[in-house]
């Protein structure tokens, strides 16, 4: 049986994550194409854009465990939430 009884703080995190996911999807699907469309289509300019976008998953994969461990310290969640938002 699945326990779906969450306390107030857990519900806050659930809704924050839900809203943040929608925002990220909207920006990457609607805003980025409009912003990057006027850029010249030369190979050098495409590579300048694609390199950081391609490297970002690796950077996130390397930093996520460290940042997750830092956020697990008592009374640190709210401080990290304020820093990163």
Protein backbone atom coordinates (compact mmCIF):
# COMPACT_ATOMS: atom_id res chain seq x y z
CA UNK A 1 0.00 0.00 0.00
CA UNK A 2 1.29 3.45 -0.89
CA UNK A 3 1.36 6.12 1.79
CA UNK A 4 0.21 9.45 0.32
CA UNK A 5 0.06 11.41 3.58
CA UNK A 6 2.49 14.30 3.27
CA UNK A 7 3.16 17.03 5.79
CA UNK A 8 2.96 20.74 4.91
CA UNK A 9 6.64 21.10 4.03
CA UNK A 10 6.55 18.07 1.73
CA UNK A 11 3.52 19.50 -0.10
CA UNK A 12 5.40 22.80 -0.52
CA UNK A 13 8.34 21.00 -2.12
CA UNK A 14 6.04 18.95 -4.34
CA UNK A 15 4.30 22.06 -5.69
CA UNK A 16 7.57 23.95 -6.05
CA UNK A 17 9.02 21.11 -8.14
CA UNK A 18 5.84 20.87 -10.21
CA UNK A 19 5.84 24.61 -10.95
CA UNK A 20 9.58 24.70 -11.64
CA UNK A 21 9.33 21.83 -14.12
CA UNK A 22 6.62 23.62 -16.08
CA UNK A 23 8.66 26.81 -16.16
CA UNK A 24 11.76 25.01 -17.45
CA UNK A 25 9.75 23.27 -20.16
CA UNK A 26 8.15 26.52 -21.26
CA UNK A 27 11.48 28.34 -21.49
CA UNK A 28 13.24 25.58 -23.43
CA UNK A 29 10.39 24.99 -25.89
CA UNK A 30 9.00 28.50 -26.42
CA UNK A 31 11.58 31.11 -25.45
CA UNK A 32 14.94 29.63 -26.51
CA UNK A 33 13.98 29.03 -30.18
CA UNK A 34 12.75 32.60 -30.55
CA UNK A 35 15.86 33.96 -28.85
CA UNK A 36 18.38 31.89 -30.84
CA UNK A 37 16.68 32.07 -34.26
CA UNK A 38 18.22 35.42 -35.33
CA UNK A 39 21.77 34.16 -34.70
CA UNK A 40 23.79 33.50 -37.83
CA UNK A 41 23.87 29.90 -38.99
CA UNK A 42 27.60 29.69 -39.46
CA UNK A 43 29.25 26.56 -38.10
CA UNK A 44 31.35 28.54 -35.61
CA UNK A 45 28.33 30.27 -34.07
CA UNK A 46 26.40 27.00 -33.88
CA UNK A 47 29.32 25.35 -32.12
CA UNK A 48 29.51 28.25 -29.64
CA UNK A 49 25.89 27.57 -28.67
CA UNK A 50 25.97 23.78 -28.81
CA UNK A 51 29.14 23.26 -26.77
CA UNK A 52 27.82 24.71 -23.47
CA UNK A 53 24.43 23.05 -23.96
CA UNK A 54 26.14 19.71 -24.53
CA UNK A 55 28.46 20.10 -21.55
CA UNK A 56 25.76 21.10 -19.09
CA UNK A 57 24.39 17.58 -18.37
CA UNK A 58 27.88 16.43 -17.35
CA UNK A 59 28.35 19.44 -15.08
CA UNK A 60 24.95 18.81 -13.48
CA UNK A 61 25.72 15.10 -13.05
CA UNK A 62 28.98 15.93 -11.29
CA UNK A 63 27.57 18.68 -9.04
CA UNK A 64 24.19 17.11 -8.15
CA UNK A 65 25.49 14.68 -5.49
CA UNK A 66 27.55 17.39 -3.81
CA UNK A 67 24.73 19.94 -3.82
CA UNK A 68 22.25 17.29 -2.67
CA UNK A 69 24.49 16.35 0.27
CA UNK A 70 24.91 20.01 1.21
CA UNK A 71 21.15 20.52 1.10
CA UNK A 72 20.56 17.56 3.43
CA UNK A 73 22.19 19.26 6.39
CA UNK A 74 19.61 20.29 9.01
CA UNK A 75 18.12 23.75 8.46
CA UNK A 76 19.97 24.16 5.15
CA UNK A 77 17.15 23.42 2.70
CA UNK A 78 15.52 26.84 2.93
CA UNK A 79 18.87 28.64 2.62
CA UNK A 80 19.82 26.67 -0.54
CA UNK A 81 16.34 27.19 -1.96
CA UNK A 82 16.72 30.95 -1.51
CA UNK A 83 20.21 30.94 -3.05
CA UNK A 84 19.24 28.99 -6.15
CA UNK A 85 15.94 30.73 -6.78
